[in-house]
Amino acid sequence: GYGKAEPLLKIIQELYQIERVAKERAEKKGTETALFQERKNARRQSQKLVQEFFAQCRVLKESERPSSPVAQAISYALNIEAELKKFLKDSRLNIDNNPAERLNRGIAIIRKNCLFAGSEAGGQRLAILYSFAATCKANGICFRKWLEDVLPRLNATPAEQIDSLIPKGEAK
């Protein structure tokens, strides 16, 4: 077991279970807004669990040695409590930032690839392309198709309208 932290871990498991159920319900409905509506409904239930989680954190922190791993983890959670609660207020947000973390895994590879870009300016251009590729992926857009659409229009697009070329979630 995880000792005194066991109740906290159980709450976290419950929160993720609530999110899974909301996602499954939304998938059955199959509409674009279903996930947001299901999350909104589910997060009413999550609100109580999150309050309980932080209340237990405060109690447990008092009984732990400040240098213990459990106390350090609890201190970290309490220090970012407001950020951790943001998902409760906005149904567009995931419970965690795992999708962003997955994108960051590729940064080390990109950094190495930029070493072979020919120059610092070449590395910067390559980084911009990677950024566009990641944005396309996050929005469900085929990067190649987006490039094929945008590149011919790039020179003719006025500077004040350049934002219209940024990949957004309109089509695959």
N, C-alpha and C. Protein backbone atom coordinates (compact mmCIF):
# COMPACT_ATOMS: atom_id res chain seq x y z
N GLY A 1 0.80 -1.19 0.00
CA GLY A 1 0.00 0.00 0.00
C GLY A 1 0.84 1.26 0.00
N TYR A 2 0.17 2.36 0.03
CA TYR A 2 0.82 3.67 0.01
C TYR A 2 0.69 4.38 1.34
N GLY A 3 0.37 3.63 2.38
CA GLY A 3 0.33 4.21 3.71
C GLY A 3 -0.70 5.30 3.86
N LYS A 4 -0.27 6.37 4.48
CA LYS A 4 -1.17 7.49 4.78
C LYS A 4 -1.70 8.17 3.51
N ALA A 5 -0.98 8.03 2.40
CA ALA A 5 -1.40 8.68 1.15
C ALA A 5 -2.47 7.88 0.40
N GLU A 6 -2.76 6.68 0.85
CA GLU A 6 -3.73 5.81 0.18
C GLU A 6 -5.08 6.50 -0.08
N PRO A 7 -5.68 7.20 0.91
CA PRO A 7 -6.96 7.87 0.65
C PRO A 7 -6.87 8.93 -0.45
N LEU A 8 -5.75 9.62 -0.53
CA LEU A 8 -5.57 10.63 -1.58
C LEU A 8 -5.52 9.97 -2.95
N LEU A 9 -4.81 8.86 -3.05
CA LEU A 9 -4.71 8.14 -4.32
C LEU A 9 -6.06 7.59 -4.75
N LYS A 10 -6.86 7.16 -3.79
CA LYS A 10 -8.20 6.65 -4.10
C LYS A 10 -9.08 7.77 -4.67
N ILE A 11 -8.96 8.97 -4.13
CA ILE A 11 -9.72 10.11 -4.65
C ILE A 11 -9.29 10.40 -6.08
N ILE A 12 -8.00 10.39 -6.33
CA ILE A 12 -7.50 10.64 -7.69
C ILE A 12 -8.05 9.59 -8.65
N GLN A 13 -8.05 8.32 -8.23
CA GLN A 13 -8.61 7.25 -9.07
C GLN A 13 -10.09 7.51 -9.36
N GLU A 14 -10.83 7.93 -8.35
CA GLU A 14 -12.26 8.23 -8.53
C GLU A 14 -12.45 9.37 -9.53
N LEU A 15 -11.62 10.40 -9.43
CA LEU A 15 -11.73 11.53 -10.36
C LEU A 15 -11.49 11.09 -11.80
N TYR A 16 -10.49 10.26 -12.01
CA TYR A 16 -10.22 9.77 -13.36
C TYR A 16 -11.33 8.85 -13.85
N GLN A 17 -11.93 8.10 -12.95
CA GLN A 17 -13.05 7.24 -13.33
C GLN A 17 -14.24 8.09 -13.78
N ILE A 18 -14.51 9.16 -13.07
CA ILE A 18 -15.60 10.07 -13.44
C ILE A 18 -15.34 10.63 -14.84
N GLU A 19 -14.10 11.02 -15.11
CA GLU A 19 -13.74 11.55 -16.44
C GLU A 19 -13.92 10.49 -17.52
N ARG A 20 -13.52 9.25 -17.23
CA ARG A 20 -13.67 8.15 -18.21
C ARG A 20 -15.13 7.92 -18.55
N VAL A 21 -15.97 7.90 -17.53
CA VAL A 21 -17.40 7.68 -17.75
C VAL A 21 -17.99 8.82 -18.58
N ALA A 22 -17.61 10.05 -18.28
CA ALA A 22 -18.11 11.20 -19.05
C ALA A 22 -17.70 11.07 -20.52
N LYS A 23 -16.46 10.68 -20.75
CA LYS A 23 -15.98 10.52 -22.13
C LYS A 23 -16.74 9.41 -22.85
N GLU A 24 -16.98 8.29 -22.17
CA GLU A 24 -17.73 7.19 -22.77
C GLU A 24 -19.15 7.61 -23.11
N ARG A 25 -19.80 8.34 -22.22
CA ARG A 25 -21.16 8.82 -22.48
C ARG A 25 -21.18 9.76 -23.68
N ALA A 26 -20.19 10.62 -23.75
CA ALA A 26 -20.11 11.57 -24.87
C ALA A 26 -19.90 10.84 -26.19
N GLU A 27 -19.05 9.82 -26.18
CA GLU A 27 -18.79 9.06 -27.41
C GLU A 27 -20.05 8.37 -27.91
N LYS A 28 -20.91 7.91 -26.99
CA LYS A 28 -22.17 7.28 -27.39
C LYS A 28 -23.10 8.29 -28.05
N LYS A 29 -23.07 9.53 -27.57
CA LYS A 29 -23.92 10.57 -28.15
C LYS A 29 -23.40 11.01 -29.51
N GLY A 30 -22.08 11.03 -29.65
CA GLY A 30 -21.47 11.31 -30.94
C GLY A 30 -21.55 12.74 -31.45
N THR A 31 -21.95 13.68 -30.62
CA THR A 31 -21.98 15.07 -31.09
C THR A 31 -20.74 15.80 -30.62
N GLU A 32 -20.45 16.89 -31.29
CA GLU A 32 -19.24 17.65 -30.99
C GLU A 32 -19.26 18.26 -29.59
N THR A 33 -20.42 18.66 -29.15
CA THR A 33 -20.53 19.31 -27.83
C THR A 33 -20.83 18.32 -26.70
N ALA A 34 -21.04 17.07 -27.04
CA ALA A 34 -21.41 16.08 -26.02
C ALA A 34 -20.35 15.95 -24.93
N LEU A 35 -19.07 15.94 -25.31
CA LEU A 35 -18.01 15.79 -24.31
C LEU A 35 -18.04 16.94 -23.32
N PHE A 36 -18.19 18.16 -23.81
CA PHE A 36 -18.21 19.31 -22.91
C PHE A 36 -19.40 19.25 -21.97
N GLN A 37 -20.55 18.84 -22.48
CA GLN A 37 -21.75 18.74 -21.64
C GLN A 37 -21.60 17.63 -20.60
N GLU A 38 -21.08 16.49 -21.02
CA GLU A 38 -20.88 15.37 -20.08
C GLU A 38 -19.86 15.74 -19.00
N ARG A 39 -18.79 16.42 -19.42
CA ARG A 39 -17.79 16.86 -18.44
C ARG A 39 -18.41 17.84 -17.45
N LYS A 40 -19.21 18.76 -17.97
CA LYS A 40 -19.84 19.76 -17.10
C LYS A 40 -20.70 19.07 -16.04
N ASN A 41 -21.47 18.07 -16.45
CA ASN A 41 -22.30 17.32 -15.51
C ASN A 41 -21.45 16.54 -14.52
N ALA A 42 -20.42 15.88 -15.03
CA ALA A 42 -19.57 15.03 -14.18
C ALA A 42 -18.79 15.86 -13.16
N ARG A 43 -18.44 17.04 -13.53
CA ARG A 43 -17.57 17.84 -12.66
C ARG A 43 -18.29 18.39 -11.44
N ARG A 44 -19.60 18.35 -11.47
CA ARG A 44 -20.34 18.67 -10.24
C ARG A 44 -20.00 17.62 -9.17
N GLN A 45 -19.92 16.37 -9.61
CA GLN A 45 -19.55 15.27 -8.72
C GLN A 45 -18.07 15.39 -8.33
N SER A 46 -17.24 15.75 -9.29
CA SER A 46 -15.80 15.87 -9.04
C SER A 46 -15.48 16.98 -8.05
N GLN A 47 -16.28 18.04 -8.06
CA GLN A 47 -16.06 19.19 -7.18
C GLN A 47 -15.92 18.75 -5.72
N LYS A 48 -16.83 17.90 -5.28
CA LYS A 48 -16.80 17.43 -3.88
C LYS A 48 -15.54 16.62 -3.60
N LEU A 49 -15.16 15.77 -4.56
CA LEU A 49 -13.96 14.95 -4.38
C LEU A 49 -12.71 15.80 -4.32
N VAL A 50 -12.64 16.83 -5.15
CA VAL A 50 -11.47 17.71 -5.15
C VAL A 50 -11.39 18.47 -3.83
N GLN A 51 -12.51 18.94 -3.32
CA GLN A 51 -12.52 19.61 -2.02
C GLN A 51 -12.03 18.66 -0.93
N GLU A 52 -12.50 17.42 -0.97
CA GLU A 52 -12.08 16.41 0.00
C GLU A 52 -10.59 16.12 -0.14
N PHE A 53 -10.10 16.04 -1.37
CA PHE A 53 -8.68 15.78 -1.62
C PHE A 53 -7.81 16.84 -0.94
N PHE A 54 -8.13 18.11 -1.17
CA PHE A 54 -7.30 19.17 -0.60
C PHE A 54 -7.47 19.28 0.92
N ALA A 55 -8.66 18.99 1.43
CA ALA A 55 -8.85 18.97 2.89
C ALA A 55 -7.98 17.88 3.51
N GLN A 56 -7.95 16.70 2.90
CA GLN A 56 -7.11 15.62 3.41
C GLN A 56 -5.63 15.95 3.27
N CYS A 57 -5.28 16.64 2.19
CA CYS A 57 -3.88 17.06 2.02
C CYS A 57 -3.44 17.94 3.19
N ARG A 58 -4.28 18.89 3.56
CA ARG A 58 -3.92 19.81 4.65
C ARG A 58 -3.75 19.06 5.98
N VAL A 59 -4.62 18.12 6.23
CA VAL A 59 -4.53 17.33 7.47
C VAL A 59 -3.28 16.46 7.45
N LEU A 60 -3.05 15.77 6.35
CA LEU A 60 -1.92 14.86 6.26
C LEU A 60 -0.58 15.60 6.31
N LYS A 61 -0.54 16.78 5.73
CA LYS A 61 0.70 17.57 5.73
C LYS A 61 1.17 17.86 7.16
N GLU A 62 0.21 18.10 8.05
CA GLU A 62 0.54 18.41 9.45
C GLU A 62 1.17 17.23 10.18
N SER A 63 0.84 16.02 9.75
CA SER A 63 1.34 14.83 10.45
C SER A 63 2.61 14.25 9.82
N GLU A 64 3.05 14.83 8.73
CA GLU A 64 4.24 14.32 8.03
C GLU A 64 5.46 15.17 8.31
N ARG A 65 6.62 14.53 8.29
CA ARG A 65 7.90 15.25 8.35
C ARG A 65 8.00 16.11 7.09
N PRO A 66 8.34 17.39 7.18
CA PRO A 66 8.40 18.25 5.99
C PRO A 66 9.30 17.72 4.87
N SER A 67 10.32 16.96 5.23
CA SER A 67 11.25 16.46 4.22
C SER A 67 10.81 15.12 3.62
N SER A 68 9.72 14.55 4.12
CA SER A 68 9.27 13.26 3.60
C SER A 68 8.73 13.42 2.18
N PRO A 69 8.85 12.39 1.36
CA PRO A 69 8.32 12.46 -0.01
C PRO A 69 6.82 12.76 -0.05
N VAL A 70 6.06 12.21 0.89
CA VAL A 70 4.62 12.47 0.94
C VAL A 70 4.36 13.95 1.23
N ALA A 71 5.06 14.51 2.21
CA ALA A 71 4.88 15.93 2.55
C ALA A 71 5.28 16.82 1.38
N GLN A 72 6.34 16.46 0.69
CA GLN A 72 6.78 17.25 -0.46
C GLN A 72 5.74 17.21 -1.58
N ALA A 73 5.18 16.03 -1.84
CA ALA A 73 4.15 15.90 -2.87
C ALA A 73 2.90 16.70 -2.49
N ILE A 74 2.52 16.63 -1.22
CA ILE A 74 1.35 17.37 -0.75
C ILE A 74 1.60 18.87 -0.85
N SER A 75 2.79 19.32 -0.46
CA SER A 75 3.12 20.75 -0.56
C SER A 75 3.04 21.22 -2.01
N TYR A 76 3.54 20.40 -2.90
CA TYR A 76 3.49 20.74 -4.33
C TYR A 76 2.03 20.89 -4.77
N ALA A 77 1.19 19.92 -4.42
CA ALA A 77 -0.22 19.98 -4.80
C ALA A 77 -0.90 21.21 -4.21
N LEU A 78 -0.63 21.50 -2.94
CA LEU A 78 -1.25 22.66 -2.30
C LEU A 78 -0.77 23.98 -2.92
N ASN A 79 0.49 24.01 -3.34
CA ASN A 79 1.03 25.23 -3.96
C ASN A 79 0.39 25.53 -5.31
N ILE A 80 -0.09 24.50 -5.99
CA ILE A 80 -0.71 24.72 -7.31
C ILE A 80 -2.20 24.35 -7.28
N GLU A 81 -2.79 24.47 -6.11
CA GLU A 81 -4.19 24.10 -5.92
C GLU A 81 -5.11 24.81 -6.91
N ALA A 82 -4.95 26.10 -7.08
CA ALA A 82 -5.82 26.85 -8.00
C ALA A 82 -5.71 26.31 -9.42
N GLU A 83 -4.49 26.02 -9.85
CA GLU A 83 -4.28 25.50 -11.20
C GLU A 83 -4.90 24.11 -11.35
N LEU A 84 -4.75 23.29 -10.32
CA LEU A 84 -5.30 21.94 -10.36
C LEU A 84 -6.83 21.93 -10.39
N LYS A 85 -7.45 23.00 -9.89
CA LYS A 85 -8.91 23.08 -9.85
C LYS A 85 -9.52 23.69 -11.11
N LYS A 86 -8.71 24.22 -12.00
CA LYS A 86 -9.24 24.92 -13.18
C LYS A 86 -10.13 24.03 -14.05
N PHE A 87 -9.83 22.74 -14.12
CA PHE A 87 -10.63 21.85 -14.96
C PHE A 87 -12.08 21.78 -14.49
N LEU A 88 -12.33 22.07 -13.21
CA LEU A 88 -13.68 22.02 -12.67
C LEU A 88 -14.57 23.11 -13.24
N LYS A 89 -13.98 24.24 -13.58
CA LYS A 89 -14.75 25.41 -14.05
C LYS A 89 -14.89 25.47 -15.57
N ASP A 90 -14.04 24.75 -16.30
CA ASP A 90 -14.03 24.84 -17.76
C ASP A 90 -14.07 23.44 -18.36
N SER A 91 -15.20 23.06 -18.91
CA SER A 91 -15.37 21.70 -19.42
C SER A 91 -14.55 21.43 -20.67
N ARG A 92 -13.92 22.45 -21.24
CA ARG A 92 -13.02 22.24 -22.38
C ARG A 92 -11.68 21.68 -21.94
N LEU A 93 -11.36 21.83 -20.65
CA LEU A 93 -10.06 21.40 -20.15
C LEU A 93 -10.08 19.93 -19.73
N ASN A 94 -8.97 19.26 -20.02
CA ASN A 94 -8.78 17.90 -19.52
C ASN A 94 -8.49 17.97 -18.03
N ILE A 95 -8.64 16.85 -17.36
CA ILE A 95 -8.33 16.77 -15.93
C ILE A 95 -6.83 16.96 -15.69
N ASP A 96 -6.02 16.63 -16.69
CA ASP A 96 -4.56 16.77 -16.58
C ASP A 96 -4.01 17.35 -17.88
N ASN A 97 -2.71 17.50 -17.92
CA ASN A 97 -2.10 18.06 -19.12
C ASN A 97 -1.33 16.99 -19.91
N ASN A 98 -1.78 15.75 -19.83
CA ASN A 98 -1.09 14.67 -20.53
C ASN A 98 -0.93 14.90 -22.03
N PRO A 99 -1.96 15.44 -22.73
CA PRO A 99 -1.73 15.68 -24.16
C PRO A 99 -0.56 16.65 -24.42
N ALA A 100 -0.45 17.68 -23.60
CA ALA A 100 0.68 18.62 -23.75
C ALA A 100 2.00 17.95 -23.40
N GLU A 101 1.99 17.11 -22.38
CA GLU A 101 3.21 16.39 -22.00
C GLU A 101 3.68 15.48 -23.13
N ARG A 102 2.73 14.82 -23.81
CA ARG A 102 3.10 13.95 -24.93
C ARG A 102 3.75 14.76 -26.04
N LEU A 103 3.23 15.96 -26.29
CA LEU A 103 3.85 16.83 -27.31
C LEU A 103 5.27 17.20 -26.91
N ASN A 104 5.49 17.45 -25.62
CA ASN A 104 6.82 17.86 -25.15
C ASN A 104 7.86 16.76 -25.26
N ARG A 105 7.43 15.49 -25.29
CA ARG A 105 8.39 14.40 -25.41
C ARG A 105 9.20 14.51 -26.69
N GLY A 106 8.57 15.03 -27.73
CA GLY A 106 9.25 15.15 -29.01
C GLY A 106 10.25 16.30 -29.06
N ILE A 107 10.26 17.15 -28.06
CA ILE A 107 11.14 18.32 -28.09
C ILE A 107 12.60 17.93 -28.11
N ALA A 108 12.99 16.90 -27.38
CA ALA A 108 14.40 16.47 -27.38
C ALA A 108 14.82 16.02 -28.78
N ILE A 109 13.95 15.32 -29.45
CA ILE A 109 14.24 14.88 -30.82
C ILE A 109 14.35 16.09 -31.74
N ILE A 110 13.42 17.01 -31.60
CA ILE A 110 13.43 18.22 -32.42
C ILE A 110 14.72 19.00 -32.18
N ARG A 111 15.12 19.11 -30.92
CA ARG A 111 16.34 19.84 -30.58
C ARG A 111 17.54 19.22 -31.31
N LYS A 112 17.61 17.90 -31.33
CA LYS A 112 18.71 17.23 -32.03
C LYS A 112 18.61 17.45 -33.54
N ASN A 113 17.40 17.39 -34.09
CA ASN A 113 17.23 17.62 -35.53
C ASN A 113 17.64 19.03 -35.92
N CYS A 114 17.39 19.99 -35.05
CA CYS A 114 17.74 21.38 -35.34
C CYS A 114 19.26 21.57 -35.42
N LEU A 115 20.02 20.67 -34.80
CA LEU A 115 21.48 20.75 -34.90
C LEU A 115 21.94 20.56 -36.34
N PHE A 116 21.13 19.87 -37.14
CA PHE A 116 21.50 19.57 -38.52
C PHE A 116 20.72 20.43 -39.51
N ALA A 117 20.20 21.54 -39.06
CA ALA A 117 19.40 22.41 -39.91
C ALA A 117 20.24 23.33 -40.77
N GLY A 118 21.54 23.31 -40.60
CA GLY A 118 22.43 24.11 -41.45
C GLY A 118 22.88 25.41 -40.83
N SER A 119 22.02 26.04 -40.08
CA SER A 119 22.35 27.33 -39.46
C SER A 119 21.36 27.59 -38.33
N GLU A 120 21.64 28.64 -37.57
CA GLU A 120 20.71 29.01 -36.51
C GLU A 120 19.36 29.40 -37.10
N ALA A 121 19.40 30.16 -38.20
CA ALA A 121 18.16 30.58 -38.85
C ALA A 121 17.39 29.36 -39.38
N GLY A 122 18.13 28.39 -39.92
CA GLY A 122 17.49 27.16 -40.39
C GLY A 122 16.85 26.41 -39.24
N GLY A 123 17.52 26.39 -38.10
CA GLY A 123 16.96 25.74 -36.92
C GLY A 123 15.69 26.43 -36.45
N GLN A 124 15.67 27.76 -36.51
CA GLN A 124 14.48 28.51 -36.12
C GLN A 124 13.32 28.20 -37.06
N ARG A 125 13.61 28.14 -38.37
CA ARG A 125 12.55 27.82 -39.34
C ARG A 125 12.02 26.40 -39.12
N LEU A 126 12.93 25.47 -38.83
CA LEU A 126 12.52 24.10 -38.56
C LEU A 126 11.65 24.03 -37.30
N ALA A 127 12.01 24.79 -36.28
CA ALA A 127 11.22 24.83 -35.04
C ALA A 127 9.82 25.38 -35.31
N ILE A 128 9.72 26.38 -36.17
CA ILE A 128 8.41 26.94 -36.53
C ILE A 128 7.57 25.89 -37.23
N LEU A 129 8.19 25.15 -38.16
CA LEU A 129 7.46 24.09 -38.86
C LEU A 129 6.98 23.02 -37.88
N TYR A 130 7.84 22.63 -36.94
CA TYR A 130 7.43 21.65 -35.94
C TYR A 130 6.27 22.18 -35.10
N SER A 131 6.29 23.46 -34.79
CA SER A 131 5.21 24.06 -34.03
C SER A 131 3.89 23.98 -34.81
N PHE A 132 3.95 24.30 -36.10
CA PHE A 132 2.74 24.19 -36.93
C PHE A 132 2.27 22.74 -37.01
N ALA A 133 3.21 21.80 -37.14
CA ALA A 133 2.84 20.38 -37.22
C ALA A 133 2.15 19.94 -35.93
N ALA A 134 2.67 20.37 -34.78
CA ALA A 134 2.06 20.01 -33.50
C ALA A 134 0.68 20.64 -33.35
N THR A 135 0.52 21.89 -33.81
CA THR A 135 -0.77 22.56 -33.74
C THR A 135 -1.79 21.84 -34.62
N CYS A 136 -1.35 21.45 -35.82
CA CYS A 136 -2.24 20.68 -36.71
C CYS A 136 -2.67 19.39 -36.03
N LYS A 137 -1.71 18.67 -35.49
CA LYS A 137 -2.01 17.39 -34.84
C LYS A 137 -3.00 17.58 -33.70
N ALA A 138 -2.78 18.60 -32.88
CA ALA A 138 -3.66 18.86 -31.73
C ALA A 138 -5.08 19.20 -32.16
N ASN A 139 -5.22 19.77 -33.37
CA ASN A 139 -6.54 20.17 -33.87
C ASN A 139 -7.12 19.17 -34.87
N GLY A 140 -6.47 18.02 -35.02
CA GLY A 140 -7.00 16.99 -35.93
C GLY A 140 -6.90 17.36 -37.39
N ILE A 141 -5.88 18.12 -37.75
CA ILE A 141 -5.69 18.56 -39.13
C ILE A 141 -4.48 17.84 -39.72
N CYS A 142 -4.62 17.39 -40.96
CA CYS A 142 -3.50 16.76 -41.65
C CYS A 142 -2.48 17.86 -41.99
N PHE A 143 -1.27 17.76 -41.45
CA PHE A 143 -0.24 18.79 -41.64
C PHE A 143 0.09 18.98 -43.12
N ARG A 144 0.24 17.89 -43.85
CA ARG A 144 0.59 17.99 -45.28
C ARG A 144 -0.50 18.75 -46.03
N LYS A 145 -1.77 18.40 -45.78
CA LYS A 145 -2.88 19.09 -46.46
C LYS A 145 -2.93 20.56 -46.08
N TRP A 146 -2.67 20.85 -44.80
CA TRP A 146 -2.67 22.24 -44.36
C TRP A 146 -1.58 23.02 -45.10
N LEU A 147 -0.37 22.44 -45.18
CA LEU A 147 0.72 23.10 -45.91
C LEU A 147 0.36 23.32 -47.37
N GLU A 148 -0.23 22.30 -48.00
CA GLU A 148 -0.63 22.41 -49.41
C GLU A 148 -1.65 23.52 -49.60
N ASP A 149 -2.49 23.75 -48.61
CA ASP A 149 -3.49 24.81 -48.68
C ASP A 149 -2.88 26.19 -48.42
N VAL A 150 -2.01 26.27 -47.42
CA VAL A 150 -1.50 27.56 -46.96
C VAL A 150 -0.36 28.11 -47.81
N LEU A 151 0.58 27.28 -48.20
CA LEU A 151 1.76 27.78 -48.91
C LEU A 151 1.43 28.59 -50.16
N PRO A 152 0.50 28.13 -51.02
CA PRO A 152 0.19 28.95 -52.20
C PRO A 152 -0.44 30.30 -51.86
N ARG A 153 -1.09 30.41 -50.70
CA ARG A 153 -1.77 31.65 -50.32
C ARG A 153 -0.90 32.57 -49.47
N LEU A 154 0.24 32.09 -49.01
CA LEU A 154 1.05 32.82 -48.05
C LEU A 154 1.50 34.19 -48.55
N ASN A 155 2.07 34.26 -49.74
CA ASN A 155 2.57 35.55 -50.25
C ASN A 155 1.46 36.55 -50.53
N ALA A 156 0.27 36.07 -50.85
CA ALA A 156 -0.83 36.97 -51.19
C ALA A 156 -1.64 37.41 -49.96
N THR A 157 -1.33 36.85 -48.80
CA THR A 157 -2.09 37.19 -47.59
C THR A 157 -1.50 38.43 -46.92
N PRO A 158 -2.31 39.48 -46.74
CA PRO A 158 -1.82 40.68 -46.06
C PRO A 158 -1.39 40.36 -44.62
N ALA A 159 -0.42 41.08 -44.13
CA ALA A 159 0.13 40.84 -42.79
C ALA A 159 -0.94 40.86 -41.71
N GLU A 160 -1.92 41.76 -41.82
CA GLU A 160 -2.96 41.84 -40.79
C GLU A 160 -3.93 40.66 -40.84
N GLN A 161 -3.87 39.84 -41.90
CA GLN A 161 -4.74 38.67 -42.00
C GLN A 161 -3.97 37.35 -41.85
N ILE A 162 -2.71 37.44 -41.47
CA ILE A 162 -1.86 36.24 -41.39
C ILE A 162 -2.40 35.22 -40.39
N ASP A 163 -3.10 35.69 -39.35
CA ASP A 163 -3.70 34.77 -38.37
C ASP A 163 -4.71 33.82 -39.00
N SER A 164 -5.29 34.22 -40.12
CA SER A 164 -6.27 33.36 -40.79
C SER A 164 -5.64 32.09 -41.34
N LEU A 165 -4.31 32.06 -41.43
CA LEU A 165 -3.61 30.89 -41.96
C LEU A 165 -3.21 29.90 -40.88
N ILE A 166 -3.32 30.29 -39.63
CA ILE A 166 -2.92 29.42 -38.51
C ILE A 166 -3.86 28.22 -38.47
N PRO A 167 -3.31 27.02 -38.27
CA PRO A 167 -4.17 25.83 -38.25
C PRO A 167 -5.17 25.86 -37.10
N LYS A 168 -6.43 25.66 -37.45
CA LYS A 168 -7.51 25.60 -36.46
C LYS A 168 -8.29 24.33 -36.74
N GLY A 169 -9.08 23.89 -35.79
CA GLY A 169 -9.78 22.61 -35.91
C GLY A 169 -10.97 22.59 -36.82
N GLU A 170 -10.84 23.06 -38.07
CA GLU A 170 -12.02 23.06 -38.93
C GLU A 170 -12.20 21.80 -39.75
N ALA A 171 -11.12 21.15 -40.17
CA ALA A 171 -11.26 19.97 -41.03
C ALA A 171 -10.04 19.09 -40.92
N LYS A 172 -10.21 17.82 -41.28
CA LYS A 172 -9.08 16.89 -41.27
C LYS A 172 -8.44 16.85 -42.63
